[in-house]
């Protein structure tokens, strides 16, 4: 299963749109919302992260990850392809045989290290 960490500023229309996109995925996802608001978002694990910068929030998400795969998104991102995570895992499977570890997000590029990195 893929864990998706969504960084939000509280419940808003952009977050609602992203959560709808994620619910339409063909792959089962474990979604956790890291929010500046104490408000719990129904049907989702919501972790309060006020007074943290984005790097600290991402580190908290990494530390709390319960899955083999973690994908980081901001509340203003959108995912329009329902096979997005299937395609992502397919790409990871193809590159993992050549590298010790891979970090994959919507765009993959090669950097001259033993790690694939993304932008």
PDB file of N, CA and C in Angstrom:
ATOM      1  N   UNK A   1       0.842  -1.185   0.000  1.00  0.00           N
ATOM      2  CA  UNK A   1       0.000   0.000   0.000  1.00  0.00           C
ATOM      3  C   UNK A   1       0.885   1.246   0.000  1.00  0.00           C
ATOM      4  N   UNK A   2       0.400   2.284  -0.629  1.00  0.00           N
ATOM      5  CA  UNK A   2       1.104   3.561  -0.674  1.00  0.00           C
ATOM      6  C   UNK A   2       0.496   4.493   0.367  1.00  0.00           C
ATOM      7  N   UNK A   3       1.364   5.128   1.145  1.00  0.00           N
ATOM      8  CA  UNK A   3       0.907   6.153   2.073  1.00  0.00           C
ATOM      9  C   UNK A   3       1.087   7.507   1.381  1.00  0.00           C
ATOM     10  N   UNK A   4       0.066   8.335   1.463  1.00  0.00           N
ATOM     11  CA  UNK A   4       0.105   9.670   0.871  1.00  0.00           C
ATOM     12  C   UNK A   4      -0.009  10.688   2.001  1.00  0.00           C
ATOM     13  N   UNK A   5       1.006  11.535   2.121  1.00  0.00           N
ATOM     14  CA  UNK A   5       0.992  12.622   3.100  1.00  0.00           C
ATOM     15  C   UNK A   5       0.577  13.896   2.376  1.00  0.00           C
ATOM     16  N   UNK A   6      -0.510  14.487   2.847  1.00  0.00           N
ATOM     17  CA  UNK A   6      -1.019  15.723   2.247  1.00  0.00           C
ATOM     18  C   UNK A   6      -0.799  16.849   3.252  1.00  0.00           C
ATOM     19  N   UNK A   7      -0.125  17.894   2.824  1.00  0.00           N
ATOM     20  CA  UNK A   7       0.155  19.031   3.696  1.00  0.00           C
ATOM     21  C   UNK A   7      -0.865  20.128   3.403  1.00  0.00           C
ATOM     22  N   UNK A   8      -1.635  20.495   4.432  1.00  0.00           N
ATOM     23  CA  UNK A   8      -2.768  21.401   4.242  1.00  0.00           C
ATOM     24  C   UNK A   8      -2.727  22.548   5.236  1.00  0.00           C
ATOM     25  N   UNK A   9      -3.452  23.595   4.890  1.00  0.00           N
ATOM     26  CA  UNK A   9      -3.588  24.765   5.757  1.00  0.00           C
ATOM     27  C   UNK A   9      -4.949  24.754   6.432  1.00  0.00           C
ATOM     28  N   UNK A  10      -5.542  23.585   6.560  1.00  0.00           N
ATOM     29  CA  UNK A  10      -6.906  23.455   7.060  1.00  0.00           C
ATOM     30  C   UNK A  10      -7.789  23.014   5.916  1.00  0.00           C
ATOM     31  N   UNK A  11      -9.049  22.766   6.233  1.00  0.00           N
ATOM     32  CA  UNK A  11      -9.961  22.304   5.188  1.00  0.00           C
ATOM     33  C   UNK A  11     -10.279  23.456   4.247  1.00  0.00           C
ATOM     34  N   UNK A  12     -10.125  23.210   2.951  1.00  0.00           N
ATOM     35  CA  UNK A  12     -10.383  24.230   1.940  1.00  0.00           C
ATOM     36  C   UNK A  12     -10.773  23.540   0.630  1.00  0.00           C
ATOM     37  N   UNK A  13     -11.192  24.301  -0.352  1.00  0.00           N
ATOM     38  CA  UNK A  13     -11.656  23.719  -1.617  1.00  0.00           C
ATOM     39  C   UNK A  13     -10.553  22.977  -2.352  1.00  0.00           C
ATOM     40  N   UNK A  14      -9.331  23.509  -2.306  1.00  0.00           N
ATOM     41  CA  UNK A  14      -8.219  22.833  -2.982  1.00  0.00           C
ATOM     42  C   UNK A  14      -7.973  21.461  -2.361  1.00  0.00           C
ATOM     43  N   UNK A  15      -8.006  21.398  -1.052  1.00  0.00           N
ATOM     44  CA  UNK A  15      -7.836  20.112  -0.369  1.00  0.00           C
ATOM     45  C   UNK A  15      -8.969  19.163  -0.732  1.00  0.00           C
ATOM     46  N   UNK A  16     -10.187  19.658  -0.759  1.00  0.00           N
ATOM     47  CA  UNK A  16     -11.345  18.838  -1.137  1.00  0.00           C
ATOM     48  C   UNK A  16     -11.156  18.265  -2.542  1.00  0.00           C
ATOM     49  N   UNK A  17     -10.671  19.081  -3.463  1.00  0.00           N
ATOM     50  CA  UNK A  17     -10.427  18.628  -4.833  1.00  0.00           C
ATOM     51  C   UNK A  17      -9.364  17.523  -4.870  1.00  0.00           C
ATOM     52  N   UNK A  18      -8.278  17.721  -4.130  1.00  0.00           N
ATOM     53  CA  UNK A  18      -7.212  16.724  -4.114  1.00  0.00           C
ATOM     54  C   UNK A  18      -7.697  15.414  -3.499  1.00  0.00           C
ATOM     55  N   UNK A  19      -8.435  15.485  -2.398  1.00  0.00           N
ATOM     56  CA  UNK A  19      -8.938  14.271  -1.760  1.00  0.00           C
ATOM     57  C   UNK A  19      -9.880  13.507  -2.699  1.00  0.00           C
ATOM     58  N   UNK A  20     -10.646  14.244  -3.492  1.00  0.00           N
ATOM     59  CA  UNK A  20     -11.505  13.594  -4.485  1.00  0.00           C
ATOM     60  C   UNK A  20     -10.647  12.888  -5.532  1.00  0.00           C
ATOM     61  N   UNK A  21      -9.600  13.556  -5.998  1.00  0.00           N
ATOM     62  CA  UNK A  21      -8.679  12.932  -6.958  1.00  0.00           C
ATOM     63  C   UNK A  21      -8.093  11.644  -6.386  1.00  0.00           C
ATOM     64  N   UNK A  22      -7.672  11.691  -5.137  1.00  0.00           N
ATOM     65  CA  UNK A  22      -7.056  10.519  -4.498  1.00  0.00           C
ATOM     66  C   UNK A  22      -8.064   9.389  -4.320  1.00  0.00           C
ATOM     67  N   UNK A  23      -9.303   9.736  -4.019  1.00  0.00           N
ATOM     68  CA  UNK A  23     -10.326   8.700  -3.834  1.00  0.00           C
ATOM     69  C   UNK A  23     -10.674   8.016  -5.152  1.00  0.00           C
ATOM     70  N   UNK A  24     -10.378   8.653  -6.276  1.00  0.00           N
ATOM     71  CA  UNK A  24     -10.645   8.072  -7.589  1.00  0.00           C
ATOM     72  C   UNK A  24      -9.518   7.174  -8.098  1.00  0.00           C
ATOM     73  N   UNK A  25      -8.443   7.063  -7.332  1.00  0.00           N
ATOM     74  CA  UNK A  25      -7.320   6.238  -7.772  1.00  0.00           C
ATOM     75  C   UNK A  25      -7.696   4.759  -7.777  1.00  0.00           C
ATOM     76  N   UNK A  26      -7.120   4.020  -8.725  1.00  0.00           N
ATOM     77  CA  UNK A  26      -7.346   2.582  -8.813  1.00  0.00           C
ATOM     78  C   UNK A  26      -6.607   1.823  -7.714  1.00  0.00           C
ATOM     79  N   UNK A  27      -5.617   2.433  -7.111  1.00  0.00           N
ATOM     80  CA  UNK A  27      -4.809   1.813  -6.079  1.00  0.00           C
ATOM     81  C   UNK A  27      -5.319   2.249  -4.706  1.00  0.00           C
ATOM     82  N   UNK A  28      -5.333   1.309  -3.743  1.00  0.00           N
ATOM     83  CA  UNK A  28      -5.725   1.639  -2.373  1.00  0.00           C
ATOM     84  C   UNK A  28      -4.619   2.475  -1.737  1.00  0.00           C
ATOM     85  N   UNK A  29      -5.004   3.583  -1.117  1.00  0.00           N
ATOM     86  CA  UNK A  29      -4.047   4.516  -0.527  1.00  0.00           C
ATOM     87  C   UNK A  29      -4.347   4.719   0.952  1.00  0.00           C
ATOM     88  N   UNK A  30      -3.302   4.926   1.732  1.00  0.00           N
ATOM     89  CA  UNK A  30      -3.430   5.326   3.123  1.00  0.00           C
ATOM     90  C   UNK A  30      -3.110   6.824   3.167  1.00  0.00           C
ATOM     91  N   UNK A  31      -4.124   7.647   3.329  1.00  0.00           N
ATOM     92  CA  UNK A  31      -3.964   9.099   3.249  1.00  0.00           C
ATOM     93  C   UNK A  31      -3.931   9.697   4.652  1.00  0.00           C
ATOM     94  N   UNK A  32      -2.882  10.482   4.917  1.00  0.00           N
ATOM     95  CA  UNK A  32      -2.772  11.225   6.170  1.00  0.00           C
ATOM     96  C   UNK A  32      -2.638  12.694   5.831  1.00  0.00           C
ATOM     97  N   UNK A  33      -3.387  13.515   6.551  1.00  0.00           N
ATOM     98  CA  UNK A  33      -3.364  14.951   6.306  1.00  0.00           C
ATOM     99  C   UNK A  33      -2.607  15.626   7.455  1.00  0.00           C
ATOM    100  N   UNK A  34      -1.581  16.375   7.093  1.00  0.00           N
ATOM    101  CA  UNK A  34      -0.776  17.138   8.052  1.00  0.00           C
ATOM    102  C   UNK A  34      -1.240  18.583   7.922  1.00  0.00           C
ATOM    103  N   UNK A  35      -1.927  19.076   8.957  1.00  0.00           N
ATOM    104  CA  UNK A  35      -2.659  20.331   8.832  1.00  0.00           C
ATOM    105  C   UNK A  35      -2.233  21.369   9.861  1.00  0.00           C
ATOM    106  N   UNK A  36      -2.315  22.641   9.461  1.00  0.00           N
ATOM    107  CA  UNK A  36      -2.093  23.756  10.374  1.00  0.00           C
ATOM    108  C   UNK A  36      -3.296  23.975  11.274  1.00  0.00           C
ATOM    109  N   UNK A  37      -4.399  23.329  10.968  1.00  0.00           N
ATOM    110  CA  UNK A  37      -5.639  23.482  11.724  1.00  0.00           C
ATOM    111  C   UNK A  37      -5.857  22.262  12.620  1.00  0.00           C
ATOM    112  N   UNK A  38      -6.410  22.498  13.811  1.00  0.00           N
ATOM    113  CA  UNK A  38      -6.732  21.393  14.719  1.00  0.00           C
ATOM    114  C   UNK A  38      -7.988  20.643  14.286  1.00  0.00           C
ATOM    115  N   UNK A  39      -8.678  21.190  13.302  1.00  0.00           N
ATOM    116  CA  UNK A  39      -9.912  20.593  12.804  1.00  0.00           C
ATOM    117  C   UNK A  39      -9.624  19.219  12.182  1.00  0.00           C
ATOM    118  N   UNK A  40     -10.353  18.211  12.621  1.00  0.00           N
ATOM    119  CA  UNK A  40     -10.224  16.867  12.060  1.00  0.00           C
ATOM    120  C   UNK A  40     -11.028  16.799  10.763  1.00  0.00           C
ATOM    121  N   UNK A  41     -10.445  16.204   9.757  1.00  0.00           N
ATOM    122  CA  UNK A  41     -11.131  16.065   8.477  1.00  0.00           C
ATOM    123  C   UNK A  41     -11.739  14.675   8.434  1.00  0.00           C
ATOM    124  N   UNK A  42     -13.037  14.638   8.283  1.00  0.00           N
ATOM    125  CA  UNK A  42     -13.795  13.389   8.374  1.00  0.00           C
ATOM    126  C   UNK A  42     -13.248  12.316   7.433  1.00  0.00           C
ATOM    127  N   UNK A  43     -13.117  11.112   7.972  1.00  0.00           N
ATOM    128  CA  UNK A  43     -12.662   9.919   7.241  1.00  0.00           C
ATOM    129  C   UNK A  43     -11.169   9.903   6.936  1.00  0.00           C
ATOM    130  N   UNK A  44     -10.403  10.835   7.489  1.00  0.00           N
ATOM    131  CA  UNK A  44      -8.962  10.876   7.250  1.00  0.00           C
ATOM    132  C   UNK A  44      -8.220  11.055   8.571  1.00  0.00           C
ATOM    133  N   UNK A  45      -7.042  10.455   8.649  1.00  0.00           N
ATOM    134  CA  UNK A  45      -6.156  10.710   9.778  1.00  0.00           C
ATOM    135  C   UNK A  45      -5.607  12.117   9.603  1.00  0.00           C
ATOM    136  N   UNK A  46      -5.855  12.987  10.581  1.00  0.00           N
ATOM    137  CA  UNK A  46      -5.395  14.370  10.506  1.00  0.00           C
ATOM    138  C   UNK A  46      -4.408  14.616  11.636  1.00  0.00           C
ATOM    139  N   UNK A  47      -3.227  15.080  11.281  1.00  0.00           N
ATOM    140  CA  UNK A  47      -2.163  15.330  12.256  1.00  0.00           C
ATOM    141  C   UNK A  47      -1.907  16.830  12.304  1.00  0.00           C
ATOM    142  N   UNK A  48      -2.041  17.402  13.486  1.00  0.00           N
ATOM    143  CA  UNK A  48      -1.894  18.842  13.697  1.00  0.00           C
ATOM    144  C   UNK A  48      -0.408  19.220  13.656  1.00  0.00           C
ATOM    145  N   UNK A  49      -0.046  20.176  12.783  1.00  0.00           N
ATOM    146  CA  UNK A  49       1.362  20.554  12.615  1.00  0.00           C
ATOM    147  C   UNK A  49       1.574  22.068  12.613  1.00  0.00           C
ATOM    148  N   UNK A  50       0.757  22.792  13.369  1.00  0.00           N
ATOM    149  CA  UNK A  50       0.914  24.251  13.416  1.00  0.00           C
ATOM    150  C   UNK A  50       2.313  24.609  13.916  1.00  0.00           C
ATOM    151  N   UNK A  51       2.813  25.733  13.476  1.00  0.00           N
ATOM    152  CA  UNK A  51       4.121  26.270  13.869  1.00  0.00           C
ATOM    153  C   UNK A  51       5.291  25.432  13.356  1.00  0.00           C
ATOM    154  N   UNK A  52       5.059  24.605  12.365  1.00  0.00           N
ATOM    155  CA  UNK A  52       6.139  23.831  11.743  1.00  0.00           C
ATOM    156  C   UNK A  52       6.316  24.331  10.314  1.00  0.00           C
ATOM    157  N   UNK A  53       7.574  24.393   9.865  1.00  0.00           N
ATOM    158  CA  UNK A  53       7.790  24.732   8.460  1.00  0.00           C
ATOM    159  C   UNK A  53       7.611  23.467   7.618  1.00  0.00           C
ATOM    160  N   UNK A  54       7.593  23.608   6.300  1.00  0.00           N
ATOM    161  CA  UNK A  54       7.273  22.472   5.432  1.00  0.00           C
ATOM    162  C   UNK A  54       8.306  21.353   5.562  1.00  0.00           C
ATOM    163  N   UNK A  55       9.564  21.688   5.769  1.00  0.00           N
ATOM    164  CA  UNK A  55      10.587  20.650   5.939  1.00  0.00           C
ATOM    165  C   UNK A  55      10.317  19.836   7.206  1.00  0.00           C
ATOM    166  N   UNK A  56       9.950  20.518   8.290  1.00  0.00           N
ATOM    167  CA  UNK A  56       9.618  19.811   9.535  1.00  0.00           C
ATOM    168  C   UNK A  56       8.393  18.921   9.348  1.00  0.00           C
ATOM    169  N   UNK A  57       7.395  19.431   8.629  1.00  0.00           N
ATOM    170  CA  UNK A  57       6.180  18.655   8.376  1.00  0.00           C
ATOM    171  C   UNK A  57       6.508  17.403   7.569  1.00  0.00           C
ATOM    172  N   UNK A  58       7.348  17.554   6.570  1.00  0.00           N
ATOM    173  CA  UNK A  58       7.731  16.392   5.757  1.00  0.00           C
ATOM    174  C   UNK A  58       8.500  15.382   6.592  1.00  0.00           C
ATOM    175  N   UNK A  59       9.377  15.851   7.456  1.00  0.00           N
ATOM    176  CA  UNK A  59      10.105  14.932   8.330  1.00  0.00           C
ATOM    177  C   UNK A  59       9.145  14.181   9.256  1.00  0.00           C
ATOM    178  N   UNK A  60       8.124  14.854   9.758  1.00  0.00           N
ATOM    179  CA  UNK A  60       7.118  14.196  10.602  1.00  0.00           C
ATOM    180  C   UNK A  60       6.401  13.114   9.798  1.00  0.00           C
ATOM    181  N   UNK A  61       6.058  13.422   8.554  1.00  0.00           N
ATOM    182  CA  UNK A  61       5.382  12.439   7.695  1.00  0.00           C
ATOM    183  C   UNK A  61       6.273  11.226   7.452  1.00  0.00           C
ATOM    184  N   UNK A  62       7.547  11.465   7.210  1.00  0.00           N
ATOM    185  CA  UNK A  62       8.482  10.355   6.988  1.00  0.00           C
ATOM    186  C   UNK A  62       8.591   9.498   8.242  1.00  0.00           C
ATOM    187  N   UNK A  63       8.708  10.137   9.401  1.00  0.00           N
ATOM    188  CA  UNK A  63       8.807   9.397  10.669  1.00  0.00           C
ATOM    189  C   UNK A  63       7.543   8.600  10.970  1.00  0.00           C
ATOM    190  N   UNK A  64       6.383   9.126  10.578  1.00  0.00           N
ATOM    191  CA  UNK A  64       5.101   8.463  10.864  1.00  0.00           C
ATOM    192  C   UNK A  64       4.675   7.469   9.792  1.00  0.00           C
ATOM    193  N   UNK A  65       5.443   7.347   8.740  1.00  0.00           N
ATOM    194  CA  UNK A  65       5.047   6.487   7.621  1.00  0.00           C
ATOM    195  C   UNK A  65       4.979   5.024   8.063  1.00  0.00           C
ATOM    196  N   UNK A  66       3.866   4.394   7.749  1.00  0.00           N
ATOM    197  CA  UNK A  66       3.643   3.001   8.108  1.00  0.00           C
ATOM    198  C   UNK A  66       3.692   2.083   6.896  1.00  0.00           C
ATOM    199  N   UNK A  67       3.993   2.613   5.731  1.00  0.00           N
ATOM    200  CA  UNK A  67       3.989   1.836   4.496  1.00  0.00           C
ATOM    201  C   UNK A  67       5.385   1.798   3.893  1.00  0.00           C
ATOM    202  N   UNK A  68       5.558   0.916   2.924  1.00  0.00           N
ATOM    203  CA  UNK A  68       6.827   0.829   2.204  1.00  0.00           C
ATOM    204  C   UNK A  68       7.035   2.057   1.318  1.00  0.00           C
ATOM    205  N   UNK A  69       5.928   2.608   0.811  1.00  0.00           N
ATOM    206  CA  UNK A  69       5.990   3.736  -0.107  1.00  0.00           C
ATOM    207  C   UNK A  69       5.316   4.946   0.509  1.00  0.00           C
ATOM    208  N   UNK A  70       5.955   6.114   0.356  1.00  0.00           N
ATOM    209  CA  UNK A  70       5.396   7.370   0.848  1.00  0.00           C
ATOM    210  C   UNK A  70       5.435   8.383  -0.290  1.00  0.00           C
ATOM    211  N   UNK A  71       4.295   9.046  -0.506  1.00  0.00           N
ATOM    212  CA  UNK A  71       4.196  10.080  -1.532  1.00  0.00           C
ATOM    213  C   UNK A  71       3.749  11.363  -0.855  1.00  0.00           C
ATOM    214  N   UNK A  72       4.428  12.470  -1.126  1.00  0.00           N
ATOM    215  CA  UNK A  72       4.152  13.757  -0.494  1.00  0.00           C
ATOM    216  C   UNK A  72       3.421  14.685  -1.459  1.00  0.00           C
ATOM    217  N   UNK A  73       2.329  15.276  -0.983  1.00  0.00           N
ATOM    218  CA  UNK A  73       1.550  16.217  -1.792  1.00  0.00           C
ATOM    219  C   UNK A  73       1.166  17.434  -0.964  1.00  0.00           C
ATOM    220  N   UNK A  74       1.026  18.581  -1.614  1.00  0.00           N
ATOM    221  CA  UNK A  74       0.473  19.770  -0.987  1.00  0.00           C
ATOM    222  C   UNK A  74      -1.008  19.843  -1.339  1.00  0.00           C
ATOM    223  N   UNK A  75      -1.769  20.548  -0.529  1.00  0.00           N
ATOM    224  CA  UNK A  75      -3.218  20.580  -0.737  1.00  0.00           C
ATOM    225  C   UNK A  75      -3.640  21.225  -2.061  1.00  0.00           C
ATOM    226  N   UNK A  76      -2.747  21.976  -2.687  1.00  0.00           N
ATOM    227  CA  UNK A  76      -3.106  22.598  -3.964  1.00  0.00           C
ATOM    228  C   UNK A  76      -2.688  21.773  -5.178  1.00  0.00           C
ATOM    229  N   UNK A  77      -2.184  20.550  -4.963  1.00  0.00           N
ATOM    230  CA  UNK A  77      -1.867  19.648  -6.069  1.00  0.00           C
ATOM    231  C   UNK A  77      -3.134  18.990  -6.584  1.00  0.00           C
ATOM    232  N   UNK A  78      -3.091  18.507  -7.813  1.00  0.00           N
ATOM    233  CA  UNK A  78      -4.189  17.741  -8.410  1.00  0.00           C
ATOM    234  C   UNK A  78      -3.601  16.515  -9.093  1.00  0.00           C
ATOM    235  N   UNK A  79      -4.362  15.432  -9.123  1.00  0.00           N
ATOM    236  CA  UNK A  79      -3.976  14.213  -9.834  1.00  0.00           C
ATOM    237  C   UNK A  79      -5.149  13.836 -10.724  1.00  0.00           C
ATOM    238  N   UNK A  80      -4.948  13.941 -12.028  1.00  0.00           N
ATOM    239  CA  UNK A  80      -6.052  13.750 -12.963  1.00  0.00           C
ATOM    240  C   UNK A  80      -6.131  12.341 -13.536  1.00  0.00           C
ATOM    241  N   UNK A  81      -5.064  11.576 -13.434  1.00  0.00           N
ATOM    242  CA  UNK A  81      -5.024  10.229 -13.988  1.00  0.00           C
ATOM    243  C   UNK A  81      -5.337   9.215 -12.888  1.00  0.00           C
ATOM    244  N   UNK A  82      -6.393   8.424 -13.063  1.00  0.00           N
ATOM    245  CA  UNK A  82      -6.781   7.446 -12.036  1.00  0.00           C
ATOM    246  C   UNK A  82      -5.781   6.302 -11.894  1.00  0.00           C
ATOM    247  N   UNK A  83      -4.866   6.165 -12.858  1.00  0.00           N
ATOM    248  CA  UNK A  83      -3.820   5.142 -12.795  1.00  0.00           C
ATOM    249  C   UNK A  83      -2.487   5.728 -12.343  1.00  0.00           C
ATOM    250  N   UNK A  84      -2.512   6.933 -11.802  1.00  0.00           N
ATOM    251  CA  UNK A  84      -1.271   7.631 -11.460  1.00  0.00           C
ATOM    252  C   UNK A  84      -0.354   6.782 -10.579  1.00  0.00           C
ATOM    253  N   UNK A  85      -0.876   6.232  -9.489  1.00  0.00           N
ATOM    254  CA  UNK A  85      -0.023   5.483  -8.559  1.00  0.00           C
ATOM    255  C   UNK A  85       0.373   4.119  -9.118  1.00  0.00           C
ATOM    256  N   UNK A  86      -0.486   3.497  -9.921  1.00  0.00           N
ATOM    257  CA  UNK A  86      -0.108   2.260 -10.612  1.00  0.00           C
ATOM    258  C   UNK A  86       1.079   2.531 -11.535  1.00  0.00           C
ATOM    259  N   UNK A  87       0.991   3.613 -12.297  1.00  0.00           N
ATOM    260  CA  UNK A  87       2.076   3.980 -13.208  1.00  0.00           C
ATOM    261  C   UNK A  87       3.354   4.316 -12.452  1.00  0.00           C
ATOM    262  N   UNK A  88       3.218   4.989 -11.343  1.00  0.00           N
ATOM    263  CA  UNK A  88       4.360   5.359 -10.521  1.00  0.00           C
ATOM    264  C   UNK A  88       5.083   4.121  -9.998  1.00  0.00           C
ATOM    265  N   UNK A  89       4.324   3.165  -9.474  1.00  0.00           N
ATOM    266  CA  UNK A  89       4.941   1.938  -8.969  1.00  0.00           C
ATOM    267  C   UNK A  89       5.573   1.132 -10.097  1.00  0.00           C
ATOM    268  N   UNK A  90       4.980   1.171 -11.270  1.00  0.00           N
ATOM    269  CA  UNK A  90       5.563   0.486 -12.418  1.00  0.00           C
ATOM    270  C   UNK A  90       6.926   1.090 -12.752  1.00  0.00           C
ATOM    271  N   UNK A  91       7.030   2.409 -12.750  1.00  0.00           N
ATOM    272  CA  UNK A  91       8.310   3.075 -13.006  1.00  0.00           C
ATOM    273  C   UNK A  91       9.328   2.724 -11.934  1.00  0.00           C
ATOM    274  N   UNK A  92       8.890   2.722 -10.680  1.00  0.00           N
ATOM    275  CA  UNK A  92       9.796   2.385  -9.585  1.00  0.00           C
ATOM    276  C   UNK A  92      10.326   0.966  -9.746  1.00  0.00           C
ATOM    277  N   UNK A  93       9.467   0.030 -10.089  1.00  0.00           N
ATOM    278  CA  UNK A  93       9.867  -1.363 -10.266  1.00  0.00           C
ATOM    279  C   UNK A  93      10.933  -1.482 -11.350  1.00  0.00           C
ATOM    280  N   UNK A  94      10.809  -0.689 -12.403  1.00  0.00           N
ATOM    281  CA  UNK A  94      11.781  -0.739 -13.493  1.00  0.00           C
ATOM    282  C   UNK A  94      13.146  -0.180 -13.091  1.00  0.00           C
ATOM    283  N   UNK A  95      13.183   0.842 -12.246  1.00  0.00           N
ATOM    284  CA  UNK A  95      14.473   1.442 -11.891  1.00  0.00           C
ATOM    285  C   UNK A  95      15.106   0.841 -10.650  1.00  0.00           C
ATOM    286  N   UNK A  96      14.332   0.207  -9.796  1.00  0.00           N
ATOM    287  CA  UNK A  96      14.889  -0.253  -8.526  1.00  0.00           C
ATOM    288  C   UNK A  96      15.957  -1.327  -8.711  1.00  0.00           C
ATOM    289  N   UNK A  97      15.926  -2.052  -9.800  1.00  0.00           N
ATOM    290  CA  UNK A  97      16.929  -3.083 -10.024  1.00  0.00           C
ATOM    291  C   UNK A  97      18.308  -2.495 -10.311  1.00  0.00           C
ATOM    292  N   UNK A  98      18.377  -1.204 -10.686  1.00  0.00           N
ATOM    293  CA  UNK A  98      19.639  -0.574 -11.035  1.00  0.00           C
ATOM    294  C   UNK A  98      20.211   0.331  -9.939  1.00  0.00           C
ATOM    295  N   UNK A  99      19.381   0.676  -8.944  1.00  0.00           N
ATOM    296  CA  UNK A  99      19.810   1.636  -7.936  1.00  0.00           C
ATOM    297  C   UNK A  99      19.500   1.126  -6.539  1.00  0.00           C
ATOM    298  N   UNK A 100      20.264   1.597  -5.570  1.00  0.00           N
ATOM    299  CA  UNK A 100      20.046   1.188  -4.183  1.00  0.00           C
ATOM    300  C   UNK A 100      18.715   1.679  -3.653  1.00  0.00           C
ATOM    301  N   UNK A 101      18.354   2.906  -3.992  1.00  0.00           N
ATOM    302  CA  UNK A 101      17.052   3.430  -3.592  1.00  0.00           C
ATOM    303  C   UNK A 101      16.591   4.427  -4.640  1.00  0.00           C
ATOM    304  N   UNK A 102      15.310   4.623  -4.690  1.00  0.00           N
ATOM    305  CA  UNK A 102      14.738   5.541  -5.671  1.00  0.00           C
ATOM    306  C   UNK A 102      13.720   6.420  -4.988  1.00  0.00           C
ATOM    307  N   UNK A 103      13.720   7.681  -5.345  1.00  0.00           N
ATOM    308  CA  UNK A 103      12.717   8.628  -4.881  1.00  0.00           C
ATOM    309  C   UNK A 103      11.971   9.052  -6.139  1.00  0.00           C
ATOM    310  N   UNK A 104      10.676   8.769  -6.169  1.00  0.00           N
ATOM    311  CA  UNK A 104       9.914   9.009  -7.387  1.00  0.00           C
ATOM    312  C   UNK A 104       8.735   9.918  -7.084  1.00  0.00           C
ATOM    313  N   UNK A 105       8.540  10.903  -7.929  1.00  0.00           N
ATOM    314  CA  UNK A 105       7.362  11.751  -7.877  1.00  0.00           C
ATOM    315  C   UNK A 105       6.926  11.989  -9.319  1.00  0.00           C
ATOM    316  N   UNK A 106       6.043  12.923  -9.604  1.00  0.00           N
ATOM    317  CA  UNK A 106       5.507  13.003 -10.966  1.00  0.00           C
ATOM    318  C   UNK A 106       6.545  13.060 -12.079  1.00  0.00           C
ATOM    319  N   UNK A 107       7.706  13.638 -11.827  1.00  0.00           N
ATOM    320  CA  UNK A 107       8.732  13.731 -12.865  1.00  0.00           C
ATOM    321  C   UNK A 107       9.988  13.037 -12.364  1.00  0.00           C
ATOM    322  N   UNK A 108      10.506  12.127 -13.163  1.00  0.00           N
ATOM    323  CA  UNK A 108      11.735  11.418 -12.794  1.00  0.00           C
ATOM    324  C   UNK A 108      12.868  11.917 -13.686  1.00  0.00           C
ATOM    325  N   UNK A 109      14.037  12.120 -13.102  1.00  0.00           N
ATOM    326  CA  UNK A 109      15.204  12.412 -13.901  1.00  0.00           C
ATOM    327  C   UNK A 109      16.399  11.736 -13.271  1.00  0.00           C
ATOM    328  N   UNK A 110      17.443  11.561 -14.052  1.00  0.00           N
ATOM    329  CA  UNK A 110      18.644  10.899 -13.561  1.00  0.00           C
ATOM    330  C   UNK A 110      19.633  11.939 -13.070  1.00  0.00           C
ATOM    331  N   UNK A 111      20.183  11.691 -11.921  1.00  0.00           N
ATOM    332  CA  UNK A 111      21.252  12.518 -11.388  1.00  0.00           C
ATOM    333  C   UNK A 111      22.450  11.609 -11.224  1.00  0.00           C
ATOM    334  N   UNK A 112      23.626  12.105 -11.398  1.00  0.00           N
ATOM    335  CA  UNK A 112      24.819  11.270 -11.398  1.00  0.00           C
ATOM    336  C   UNK A 112      25.176  10.796  -9.990  1.00  0.00           C
ATOM    337  N   UNK A 113      24.286  10.005  -9.394  1.00  0.00           N
ATOM    338  CA  UNK A 113      24.516   9.376  -8.094  1.00  0.00           C
ATOM    339  C   UNK A 113      23.944   7.984  -8.179  1.00  0.00           C
ATOM    340  N   UNK A 114      24.003   7.238  -7.099  1.00  0.00           N
ATOM    341  CA  UNK A 114      23.388   5.898  -7.107  1.00  0.00           C
ATOM    342  C   UNK A 114      21.928   5.967  -6.713  1.00  0.00           C
ATOM    343  N   UNK A 115      21.350   7.154  -6.714  1.00  0.00           N
ATOM    344  CA  UNK A 115      19.961   7.347  -6.354  1.00  0.00           C
ATOM    345  C   UNK A 115      19.235   8.096  -7.460  1.00  0.00           C
ATOM    346  N   UNK A 116      18.059   7.608  -7.833  1.00  0.00           N
ATOM    347  CA  UNK A 116      17.199   8.368  -8.743  1.00  0.00           C
ATOM    348  C   UNK A 116      16.533   9.453  -7.907  1.00  0.00           C
ATOM    349  N   UNK A 117      16.479  10.655  -8.412  1.00  0.00           N
ATOM    350  CA  UNK A 117      15.832  11.741  -7.702  1.00  0.00           C
ATOM    351  C   UNK A 117      14.781  12.361  -8.586  1.00  0.00           C
ATOM    352  N   UNK A 118      13.912  13.128  -8.010  1.00  0.00           N
ATOM    353  CA  UNK A 118      12.834  13.716  -8.794  1.00  0.00           C
ATOM    354  C   UNK A 118      12.678  15.192  -8.487  1.00  0.00           C
ATOM    355  N   UNK A 119      11.938  15.857  -9.364  1.00  0.00           N
ATOM    356  CA  UNK A 119      11.701  17.282  -9.181  1.00  0.00           C
ATOM    357  C   UNK A 119      10.214  17.529  -9.100  1.00  0.00           C
TER     358      UNK A 119
END
